[in-house]
C-alpha atoms as a PDB file:
ATOM      1  CA  UNK A   1     -11.602  14.555 -12.863  1.00  0.00           C
ATOM      2  CA  UNK A   2      -9.197  13.120 -10.649  1.00  0.00           C
ATOM      3  CA  UNK A   3     -11.434  10.318  -9.176  1.00  0.00           C
ATOM      4  CA  UNK A   4     -11.708   8.615 -12.878  1.00  0.00           C
ATOM      5  CA  UNK A   5      -8.253   9.068 -13.352  1.00  0.00           C
ATOM      6  CA  UNK A   6      -7.643   7.237  -9.741  1.00  0.00           C
ATOM      7  CA  UNK A   7     -10.748   4.740 -10.528  1.00  0.00           C
ATOM      8  CA  UNK A   8      -9.007   3.815 -13.911  1.00  0.00           C
ATOM      9  CA  UNK A   9      -4.976   3.162 -11.580  1.00  0.00           C
ATOM     10  CA  UNK A  10      -6.921   1.233  -8.922  1.00  0.00           C
ATOM     11  CA  UNK A  11      -9.117  -0.398 -10.896  1.00  0.00           C
ATOM     12  CA  UNK A  12      -5.922  -1.917 -12.425  1.00  0.00           C
ATOM     13  CA  UNK A  13      -4.059  -2.200  -8.894  1.00  0.00           C
ATOM     14  CA  UNK A  14      -6.331  -4.498  -8.115  1.00  0.00           C
ATOM     15  CA  UNK A  15      -6.694  -6.667 -11.119  1.00  0.00           C
ATOM     16  CA  UNK A  16      -4.911 -10.325  -9.224  1.00  0.00           C
ATOM     17  CA  UNK A  17      -1.647 -10.192 -11.745  1.00  0.00           C
ATOM     18  CA  UNK A  18      -0.898  -6.466 -11.551  1.00  0.00           C
ATOM     19  CA  UNK A  19      -1.124  -7.395  -7.711  1.00  0.00           C
ATOM     20  CA  UNK A  20       0.791 -10.639  -7.606  1.00  0.00           C
ATOM     21  CA  UNK A  21       3.539  -8.208 -10.255  1.00  0.00           C
ATOM     22  CA  UNK A  22       3.834  -5.691  -7.773  1.00  0.00           C
ATOM     23  CA  UNK A  23       3.941  -7.977  -5.041  1.00  0.00           C
ATOM     24  CA  UNK A  24       7.267  -9.591  -6.237  1.00  0.00           C
ATOM     25  CA  UNK A  25       8.646  -6.563  -7.271  1.00  0.00           C
ATOM     26  CA  UNK A  26       8.712  -5.107  -3.532  1.00  0.00           C
ATOM     27  CA  UNK A  27       8.504  -8.649  -1.751  1.00  0.00           C
ATOM     28  CA  UNK A  28      12.243 -10.629  -0.798  1.00  0.00           C
ATOM     29  CA  UNK A  29      11.225 -14.374  -0.918  1.00  0.00           C
ATOM     30  CA  UNK A  30       9.473 -14.653  -4.393  1.00  0.00           C
ATOM     31  CA  UNK A  31       8.068 -17.681  -3.200  1.00  0.00           C
ATOM     32  CA  UNK A  32       5.741 -15.880  -0.309  1.00  0.00           C
ATOM     33  CA  UNK A  33       3.906 -14.914  -2.777  1.00  0.00           C
ATOM     34  CA  UNK A  34       0.807 -17.006  -3.361  1.00  0.00           C
ATOM     35  CA  UNK A  35      -2.642 -16.913  -4.822  1.00  0.00           C
ATOM     36  CA  UNK A  36      -3.762 -16.422  -0.770  1.00  0.00           C
ATOM     37  CA  UNK A  37      -1.121 -13.382  -0.221  1.00  0.00           C
ATOM     38  CA  UNK A  38      -2.543 -11.988  -2.968  1.00  0.00           C
ATOM     39  CA  UNK A  39      -6.122 -12.660  -2.245  1.00  0.00           C
ATOM     40  CA  UNK A  40      -5.132 -11.565   1.551  1.00  0.00           C
ATOM     41  CA  UNK A  41      -4.031  -8.488  -0.051  1.00  0.00           C
ATOM     42  CA  UNK A  42      -7.003  -7.808  -2.993  1.00  0.00           C
ATOM     43  CA  UNK A  43     -10.083  -8.333  -0.411  1.00  0.00           C
ATOM     44  CA  UNK A  44     -10.146  -5.357   1.049  1.00  0.00           C
ATOM     45  CA  UNK A  45      -9.626  -3.645  -2.059  1.00  0.00           C
ATOM     46  CA  UNK A  46     -12.993  -4.817  -3.110  1.00  0.00           C
ATOM     47  CA  UNK A  47     -14.882  -3.800  -0.325  1.00  0.00           C
ATOM     48  CA  UNK A  48     -17.024  -1.089  -0.872  1.00  0.00           C
ATOM     49  CA  UNK A  49     -15.218   2.567   0.019  1.00  0.00           C
ATOM     50  CA  UNK A  50     -11.979   0.815  -0.486  1.00  0.00           C
ATOM     51  CA  UNK A  51     -11.788   4.067  -3.718  1.00  0.00           C
ATOM     52  CA  UNK A  52     -12.273   7.050  -1.712  1.00  0.00           C
ATOM     53  CA  UNK A  53      -9.760   5.615   0.770  1.00  0.00           C
ATOM     54  CA  UNK A  54      -7.274   5.063  -1.980  1.00  0.00           C
ATOM     55  CA  UNK A  55      -7.908   8.374  -3.191  1.00  0.00           C
ATOM     56  CA  UNK A  56      -7.261   9.993   0.329  1.00  0.00           C
ATOM     57  CA  UNK A  57      -4.269   8.438   0.665  1.00  0.00           C
ATOM     58  CA  UNK A  58      -3.016   9.329  -2.507  1.00  0.00           C
ATOM     59  CA  UNK A  59      -3.897  13.220  -2.442  1.00  0.00           C
ATOM     60  CA  UNK A  60      -3.189  13.540   1.615  1.00  0.00           C
ATOM     61  CA  UNK A  61      -0.839  14.738   2.997  1.00  0.00           C
ATOM     62  CA  UNK A  62       2.271  12.425   3.697  1.00  0.00           C
ATOM     63  CA  UNK A  63       2.209  12.768   7.650  1.00  0.00           C
ATOM     64  CA  UNK A  64       4.860  13.298  10.032  1.00  0.00           C
ATOM     65  CA  UNK A  65       8.575  12.019   8.869  1.00  0.00           C
ATOM     66  CA  UNK A  66       9.669   8.925  11.528  1.00  0.00           C
ATOM     67  CA  UNK A  67      13.260  10.426  11.890  1.00  0.00           C
ATOM     68  CA  UNK A  68      12.062  13.526  13.395  1.00  0.00           C
ATOM     69  CA  UNK A  69      11.160  12.754  16.618  1.00  0.00           C
ATOM     70  CA  UNK A  70      13.357  10.091  17.036  1.00  0.00           C
ATOM     71  CA  UNK A  71      16.549  12.899  16.805  1.00  0.00           C
ATOM     72  CA  UNK A  72      15.215  14.485  20.045  1.00  0.00           C
ATOM     73  CA  UNK A  73      15.777  10.708  21.976  1.00  0.00           C
ATOM     74  CA  UNK A  74      17.997  10.821  24.321  1.00  0.00           C
ATOM     75  CA  UNK A  75      18.865   6.848  25.186  1.00  0.00           C
ATOM     76  CA  UNK A  76      19.222   4.274  22.459  1.00  0.00           C
ATOM     77  CA  UNK A  77      16.639   2.677  20.370  1.00  0.00           C
ATOM     78  CA  UNK A  78      16.456  -0.418  18.118  1.00  0.00           C
ATOM     79  CA  UNK A  79      13.928  -0.024  14.874  1.00  0.00           C
ATOM     80  CA  UNK A  80      13.200  -3.290  13.524  1.00  0.00           C
END
């Protein structure tokens, strides 16, 4: 059941128009969102195993919080 739902979401997200709209919502410079960018990001989503990777990312543990190890630093650090 989870795989069927994830597959429907994944298929929708990797459509060119949907992906373009997602990129437009997160890119500060909207002019950067062109057909080349959409295809660069969309390309791997069409590879074999892409759905499995998507499901793994969505259902897997979140991983470490990057702030936690930084709290123990005693020297200045620049984060870009």
